[in-house]
Amino acid sequence: GGDRSAVTGGTRVVSDWIKVKVTAKPGE
């Protein structure tokens, strides 16, 4: 719900949990 909602593949969740909606196609 904010401007810091984007996450990048390969990064790691340290605490808590999130539900992520995939925005990238495979290889892109």
PDB file of all heavy atoms in Angstrom:
ATOM      1  N   GLY A   1       0.766  -1.228   0.000  1.00  0.00           N
ATOM      2  CA  GLY A   1       0.000   0.000   0.000  1.00  0.00           C
ATOM      3  C   GLY A   1       0.795   1.275   0.000  1.00  0.00           C
ATOM      4  O   GLY A   1       0.232   2.356   0.125  1.00  0.00           O
ATOM      5  N   GLY A   2       2.107   1.238  -0.149  1.00  0.00           N
ATOM      6  CA  GLY A   2       2.895   2.460  -0.144  1.00  0.00           C
ATOM      7  C   GLY A   2       3.845   2.527  -1.318  1.00  0.00           C
ATOM      8  O   GLY A   2       3.752   1.747  -2.272  1.00  0.00           O
ATOM      9  N   ASP A   3       4.781   3.497  -1.248  1.00  0.00           N
ATOM     10  CA  ASP A   3       5.761   3.654  -2.310  1.00  0.00           C
ATOM     11  C   ASP A   3       6.938   2.704  -2.155  1.00  0.00           C
ATOM     12  O   ASP A   3       7.819   2.666  -3.005  1.00  0.00           O
ATOM     13  CB  ASP A   3       6.284   5.102  -2.329  1.00  0.00           C
ATOM     14  CG  ASP A   3       5.219   6.093  -2.785  1.00  0.00           C
ATOM     15  OD1 ASP A   3       4.252   5.638  -3.405  1.00  0.00           O
ATOM     16  OD2 ASP A   3       5.359   7.298  -2.497  1.00  0.00           O
ATOM     17  N   ARG A   4       6.978   1.944  -1.067  1.00  0.00           N
ATOM     18  CA  ARG A   4       8.061   0.988  -0.839  1.00  0.00           C
ATOM     19  C   ARG A   4       7.515  -0.432  -0.833  1.00  0.00           C
ATOM     20  O   ARG A   4       7.738  -1.209   0.087  1.00  0.00           O
ATOM     21  CB  ARG A   4       8.785   1.319   0.473  1.00  0.00           C
ATOM     22  CG  ARG A   4       9.459   2.681   0.434  1.00  0.00           C
ATOM     23  CD  ARG A   4      10.230   2.996   1.693  1.00  0.00           C
ATOM     24  NE  ARG A   4      10.930   4.267   1.541  1.00  0.00           N
ATOM     25  CZ  ARG A   4      12.148   4.427   1.045  1.00  0.00           C
ATOM     26  NH1 ARG A   4      12.816   3.357   0.635  1.00  0.00           N
ATOM     27  NH2 ARG A   4      12.711   5.606   0.941  1.00  0.00           N
ATOM     28  N   SER A   5       6.785  -0.725  -1.890  1.00  0.00           N
ATOM     29  CA  SER A   5       6.129  -2.031  -1.972  1.00  0.00           C
ATOM     30  C   SER A   5       6.830  -2.984  -2.928  1.00  0.00           C
ATOM     31  O   SER A   5       6.517  -4.168  -2.957  1.00  0.00           O
ATOM     32  CB  SER A   5       4.668  -1.858  -2.414  1.00  0.00           C
ATOM     33  OG  SER A   5       4.609  -1.240  -3.691  1.00  0.00           O
ATOM     34  N   ALA A   6       7.775  -2.481  -3.730  1.00  0.00           N
ATOM     35  CA  ALA A   6       8.434  -3.336  -4.720  1.00  0.00           C
ATOM     36  C   ALA A   6       9.520  -4.179  -4.063  1.00  0.00           C
ATOM     37  O   ALA A   6      10.264  -3.700  -3.200  1.00  0.00           O
ATOM     38  CB  ALA A   6       9.039  -2.485  -5.830  1.00  0.00           C
ATOM     39  N   VAL A   7       9.598  -5.441  -4.448  1.00  0.00           N
ATOM     40  CA  VAL A   7      10.650  -6.335  -3.958  1.00  0.00           C
ATOM     41  C   VAL A   7      11.343  -6.971  -5.160  1.00  0.00           C
ATOM     42  O   VAL A   7      10.759  -7.137  -6.228  1.00  0.00           O
ATOM     43  CB  VAL A   7      10.092  -7.433  -3.030  1.00  0.00           C
ATOM     44  CG1 VAL A   7       9.643  -6.837  -1.711  1.00  0.00           C
ATOM     45  CG2 VAL A   7       8.937  -8.180  -3.690  1.00  0.00           C
ATOM     46  N   THR A   8      12.614  -7.331  -4.964  1.00  0.00           N
ATOM     47  CA  THR A   8      13.444  -7.848  -6.040  1.00  0.00           C
ATOM     48  C   THR A   8      13.787  -9.306  -5.790  1.00  0.00           C
ATOM     49  O   THR A   8      14.124  -9.684  -4.659  1.00  0.00           O
ATOM     50  CB  THR A   8      14.747  -7.029  -6.153  1.00  0.00           C
ATOM     51  OG1 THR A   8      14.413  -5.654  -6.312  1.00  0.00           O
ATOM     52  CG2 THR A   8      15.574  -7.485  -7.345  1.00  0.00           C
ATOM     53  N   GLY A   9      13.698 -10.109  -6.826  1.00  0.00           N
ATOM     54  CA  GLY A   9      14.051 -11.514  -6.712  1.00  0.00           C
ATOM     55  C   GLY A   9      15.490 -11.693  -6.264  1.00  0.00           C
ATOM     56  O   GLY A   9      16.390 -10.983  -6.718  1.00  0.00           O
ATOM     57  N   GLY A  10      15.724 -12.650  -5.372  1.00  0.00           N
ATOM     58  CA  GLY A  10      17.068 -12.907  -4.873  1.00  0.00           C
ATOM     59  C   GLY A  10      17.344 -12.264  -3.530  1.00  0.00           C
ATOM     60  O   GLY A  10      18.340 -12.593  -2.883  1.00  0.00           O
ATOM     61  N   THR A  11      16.473 -11.350  -3.097  1.00  0.00           N
ATOM     62  CA  THR A  11      16.622 -10.763  -1.765  1.00  0.00           C
ATOM     63  C   THR A  11      15.924 -11.663  -0.741  1.00  0.00           C
ATOM     64  O   THR A  11      15.127 -12.525  -1.100  1.00  0.00           O
ATOM     65  CB  THR A  11      16.054  -9.338  -1.715  1.00  0.00           C
ATOM     66  OG1 THR A  11      14.669  -9.360  -2.107  1.00  0.00           O
ATOM     67  CG2 THR A  11      16.801  -8.429  -2.677  1.00  0.00           C
ATOM     68  N   ARG A  12      16.195 -11.438   0.558  1.00  0.00           N
ATOM     69  CA  ARG A  12      15.756 -12.393   1.577  1.00  0.00           C
ATOM     70  C   ARG A  12      14.925 -11.706   2.661  1.00  0.00           C
ATOM     71  O   ARG A  12      15.255 -10.604   3.104  1.00  0.00           O
ATOM     72  CB  ARG A  12      16.983 -13.066   2.217  1.00  0.00           C
ATOM     73  CG  ARG A  12      16.674 -14.205   3.173  1.00  0.00           C
ATOM     74  CD  ARG A  12      17.979 -14.900   3.575  1.00  0.00           C
ATOM     75  NE  ARG A  12      18.878 -13.982   4.231  1.00  0.00           N
ATOM     76  CZ  ARG A  12      18.855 -13.707   5.547  1.00  0.00           C
ATOM     77  NH1 ARG A  12      17.967 -14.326   6.328  1.00  0.00           N
ATOM     78  NH2 ARG A  12      19.708 -12.863   6.074  1.00  0.00           N
ATOM     79  N   VAL A  13      13.841 -12.367   3.056  1.00  0.00           N
ATOM     80  CA  VAL A  13      13.003 -11.862   4.143  1.00  0.00           C
ATOM     81  C   VAL A  13      13.669 -12.207   5.478  1.00  0.00           C
ATOM     82  O   VAL A  13      13.939 -13.371   5.767  1.00  0.00           O
ATOM     83  CB  VAL A  13      11.588 -12.475   4.083  1.00  0.00           C
ATOM     84  CG1 VAL A  13      10.779 -12.050   5.307  1.00  0.00           C
ATOM     85  CG2 VAL A  13      10.879 -12.046   2.805  1.00  0.00           C
ATOM     86  N   VAL A  14      13.942 -11.177   6.267  1.00  0.00           N
ATOM     87  CA  VAL A  14      14.623 -11.372   7.549  1.00  0.00           C
ATOM     88  C   VAL A  14      13.622 -11.652   8.665  1.00  0.00           C
ATOM     89  O   VAL A  14      13.858 -12.498   9.532  1.00  0.00           O
ATOM     90  CB  VAL A  14      15.481 -10.129   7.897  1.00  0.00           C
ATOM     91  CG1 VAL A  14      16.144 -10.301   9.268  1.00  0.00           C
ATOM     92  CG2 VAL A  14      16.530  -9.893   6.823  1.00  0.00           C
ATOM     93  N   SER A  15      12.501 -10.928   8.658  1.00  0.00           N
ATOM     94  CA  SER A  15      11.515 -11.118   9.721  1.00  0.00           C
ATOM     95  C   SER A  15      10.108 -10.964   9.160  1.00  0.00           C
ATOM     96  O   SER A  15       9.911 -10.359   8.102  1.00  0.00           O
ATOM     97  CB  SER A  15      11.740 -10.099  10.842  1.00  0.00           C
ATOM     98  OG  SER A  15      11.482  -8.782  10.377  1.00  0.00           O
ATOM     99  N   ASP A  16       9.134 -11.519   9.857  1.00  0.00           N
ATOM    100  CA  ASP A  16       7.722 -11.421   9.502  1.00  0.00           C
ATOM    101  C   ASP A  16       7.444 -12.136   8.176  1.00  0.00           C
ATOM    102  O   ASP A  16       8.170 -13.052   7.795  1.00  0.00           O
ATOM    103  CB  ASP A  16       7.282  -9.950   9.450  1.00  0.00           C
ATOM    104  CG  ASP A  16       7.517  -9.250  10.771  1.00  0.00           C
ATOM    105  OD1 ASP A  16       6.832  -9.602  11.750  1.00  0.00           O
ATOM    106  OD2 ASP A  16       8.398  -8.365  10.835  1.00  0.00           O
ATOM    107  N   TRP A  17       6.406 -11.706   7.464  1.00  0.00           N
ATOM    108  CA  TRP A  17       6.017 -12.362   6.217  1.00  0.00           C
ATOM    109  C   TRP A  17       5.359 -11.351   5.292  1.00  0.00           C
ATOM    110  O   TRP A  17       4.889 -10.296   5.725  1.00  0.00           O
ATOM    111  CB  TRP A  17       5.041 -13.511   6.475  1.00  0.00           C
ATOM    112  CG  TRP A  17       3.795 -13.050   7.205  1.00  0.00           C
ATOM    113  CD1 TRP A  17       3.602 -13.007   8.550  1.00  0.00           C
ATOM    114  CD2 TRP A  17       2.598 -12.516   6.605  1.00  0.00           C
ATOM    115  NE1 TRP A  17       2.364 -12.498   8.850  1.00  0.00           N
ATOM    116  CE2 TRP A  17       1.721 -12.185   7.676  1.00  0.00           C
ATOM    117  CE3 TRP A  17       2.181 -12.291   5.302  1.00  0.00           C
ATOM    118  CZ2 TRP A  17       0.458 -11.645   7.460  1.00  0.00           C
ATOM    119  CZ3 TRP A  17       0.916 -11.755   5.081  1.00  0.00           C
ATOM    120  CH2 TRP A  17       0.063 -11.442   6.155  1.00  0.00           C
ATOM    121  N   ILE A  18       5.356 -11.660   4.014  1.00  0.00           N
ATOM    122  CA  ILE A  18       4.689 -10.823   3.011  1.00  0.00           C
ATOM    123  C   ILE A  18       4.068 -11.710   1.945  1.00  0.00           C
ATOM    124  O   ILE A  18       4.528 -12.826   1.701  1.00  0.00           O
ATOM    125  CB  ILE A  18       5.659  -9.830   2.334  1.00  0.00           C
ATOM    126  CG1 ILE A  18       6.919 -10.557   1.842  1.00  0.00           C
ATOM    127  CG2 ILE A  18       5.997  -8.666   3.236  1.00  0.00           C
ATOM    128  CD1 ILE A  18       7.875  -9.676   1.068  1.00  0.00           C
ATOM    129  N   LYS A  19       2.999 -11.188   1.357  1.00  0.00           N
ATOM    130  CA  LYS A  19       2.425 -11.818   0.169  1.00  0.00           C
ATOM    131  C   LYS A  19       2.778 -10.940  -1.025  1.00  0.00           C
ATOM    132  O   LYS A  19       2.513  -9.737  -1.017  1.00  0.00           O
ATOM    133  CB  LYS A  19       0.910 -11.961   0.311  1.00  0.00           C
ATOM    134  CG  LYS A  19       0.497 -12.966   1.383  1.00  0.00           C
ATOM    135  CD  LYS A  19      -1.016 -13.108   1.483  1.00  0.00           C
ATOM    136  CE  LYS A  19      -1.400 -14.100   2.586  1.00  0.00           C
ATOM    137  NZ  LYS A  19      -2.886 -14.229   2.717  1.00  0.00           N
ATOM    138  N   VAL A  20       3.378 -11.569  -2.025  1.00  0.00           N
ATOM    139  CA  VAL A  20       3.924 -10.834  -3.165  1.00  0.00           C
ATOM    140  C   VAL A  20       3.175 -11.209  -4.436  1.00  0.00           C
ATOM    141  O   VAL A  20       2.984 -12.391  -4.733  1.00  0.00           O
ATOM    142  CB  VAL A  20       5.432 -11.141  -3.336  1.00  0.00           C
ATOM    143  CG1 VAL A  20       5.988 -10.426  -4.559  1.00  0.00           C
ATOM    144  CG2 VAL A  20       6.203 -10.751  -2.081  1.00  0.00           C
ATOM    145  N   LYS A  21       2.767 -10.180  -5.184  1.00  0.00           N
ATOM    146  CA  LYS A  21       2.173 -10.397  -6.500  1.00  0.00           C
ATOM    147  C   LYS A  21       3.280 -10.314  -7.540  1.00  0.00           C
ATOM    148  O   LYS A  21       3.969  -9.304  -7.656  1.00  0.00           O
ATOM    149  CB  LYS A  21       1.109  -9.337  -6.790  1.00  0.00           C
ATOM    150  CG  LYS A  21       0.415  -9.521  -8.137  1.00  0.00           C
ATOM    151  CD  LYS A  21      -0.645  -8.451  -8.348  1.00  0.00           C
ATOM    152  CE  LYS A  21      -1.343  -8.634  -9.697  1.00  0.00           C
ATOM    153  NZ  LYS A  21      -2.386  -7.589  -9.896  1.00  0.00           N
ATOM    154  N   VAL A  22       3.484 -11.397  -8.287  1.00  0.00           N
ATOM    155  CA  VAL A  22       4.562 -11.456  -9.276  1.00  0.00           C
ATOM    156  C   VAL A  22       4.292 -10.455 -10.401  1.00  0.00           C
ATOM    157  O   VAL A  22       3.180 -10.391 -10.938  1.00  0.00           O
ATOM    158  CB  VAL A  22       4.705 -12.880  -9.851  1.00  0.00           C
ATOM    159  CG1 VAL A  22       5.759 -12.924 -10.951  1.00  0.00           C
ATOM    160  CG2 VAL A  22       5.047 -13.865  -8.729  1.00  0.00           C
ATOM    161  N   THR A  23       5.322  -9.667 -10.755  1.00  0.00           N
ATOM    162  CA  THR A  23       5.174  -8.670 -11.824  1.00  0.00           C
ATOM    163  C   THR A  23       6.090  -8.932 -13.012  1.00  0.00           C
ATOM    164  O   THR A  23       5.961  -8.272 -14.040  1.00  0.00           O
ATOM    165  CB  THR A  23       5.470  -7.259 -11.281  1.00  0.00           C
ATOM    166  OG1 THR A  23       6.805  -7.231 -10.743  1.00  0.00           O
ATOM    167  CG2 THR A  23       4.479  -6.857 -10.204  1.00  0.00           C
ATOM    168  N   ALA A  24       7.022  -9.876 -12.886  1.00  0.00           N
ATOM    169  CA  ALA A  24       8.002 -10.101 -13.955  1.00  0.00           C
ATOM    170  C   ALA A  24       7.791 -11.447 -14.631  1.00  0.00           C
ATOM    171  O   ALA A  24       7.466 -12.441 -13.986  1.00  0.00           O
ATOM    172  CB  ALA A  24       9.417 -10.029 -13.389  1.00  0.00           C
ATOM    173  N   LYS A  25       8.002 -11.458 -15.946  1.00  0.00           N
ATOM    174  CA  LYS A  25       7.960 -12.707 -16.694  1.00  0.00           C
ATOM    175  C   LYS A  25       9.273 -13.462 -16.476  1.00  0.00           C
ATOM    176  O   LYS A  25      10.298 -12.852 -16.160  1.00  0.00           O
ATOM    177  CB  LYS A  25       7.765 -12.435 -18.182  1.00  0.00           C
ATOM    178  CG  LYS A  25       6.429 -11.808 -18.538  1.00  0.00           C
ATOM    179  CD  LYS A  25       6.331 -11.581 -20.043  1.00  0.00           C
ATOM    180  CE  LYS A  25       5.002 -10.946 -20.423  1.00  0.00           C
ATOM    181  NZ  LYS A  25       4.904 -10.685 -21.878  1.00  0.00           N
ATOM    182  N   PRO A  26       9.294 -14.779 -16.665  1.00  0.00           N
ATOM    183  CA  PRO A  26      10.544 -15.539 -16.534  1.00  0.00           C
ATOM    184  C   PRO A  26      11.607 -14.995 -17.486  1.00  0.00           C
ATOM    185  O   PRO A  26      11.336 -14.746 -18.660  1.00  0.00           O
ATOM    186  CB  PRO A  26      10.120 -16.966 -16.921  1.00  0.00           C
ATOM    187  CG  PRO A  26       8.654 -17.026 -16.614  1.00  0.00           C
ATOM    188  CD  PRO A  26       8.128 -15.655 -16.929  1.00  0.00           C
ATOM    189  N   GLY A  27      12.804 -14.781 -16.956  1.00  0.00           N
ATOM    190  CA  GLY A  27      13.893 -14.263 -17.782  1.00  0.00           C
ATOM    191  C   GLY A  27      13.864 -12.766 -17.982  1.00  0.00           C
ATOM    192  O   GLY A  27      14.741 -12.208 -18.638  1.00  0.00           O
ATOM    193  N   GLU A  28      12.846 -12.095 -17.422  1.00  0.00           N
ATOM    194  CA  GLU A  28      12.740 -10.648 -17.584  1.00  0.00           C
ATOM    195  C   GLU A  28      12.662  -9.943 -16.235  1.00  0.00           C
ATOM    196  O   GLU A  28      12.061  -8.886 -16.100  1.00  0.00           O
ATOM    197  CB  GLU A  28      11.512 -10.288 -18.424  1.00  0.00           C
ATOM    198  CG  GLU A  28      11.582 -10.791 -19.850  1.00  0.00           C
ATOM    199  CD  GLU A  28      10.376 -10.380 -20.676  1.00  0.00           C
ATOM    200  OE1 GLU A  28       9.575  -9.560 -20.187  1.00  0.00           O
ATOM    201  OE2 GLU A  28      10.241 -10.872 -21.803  1.00  0.00           O
TER     202      GLU A  28
END
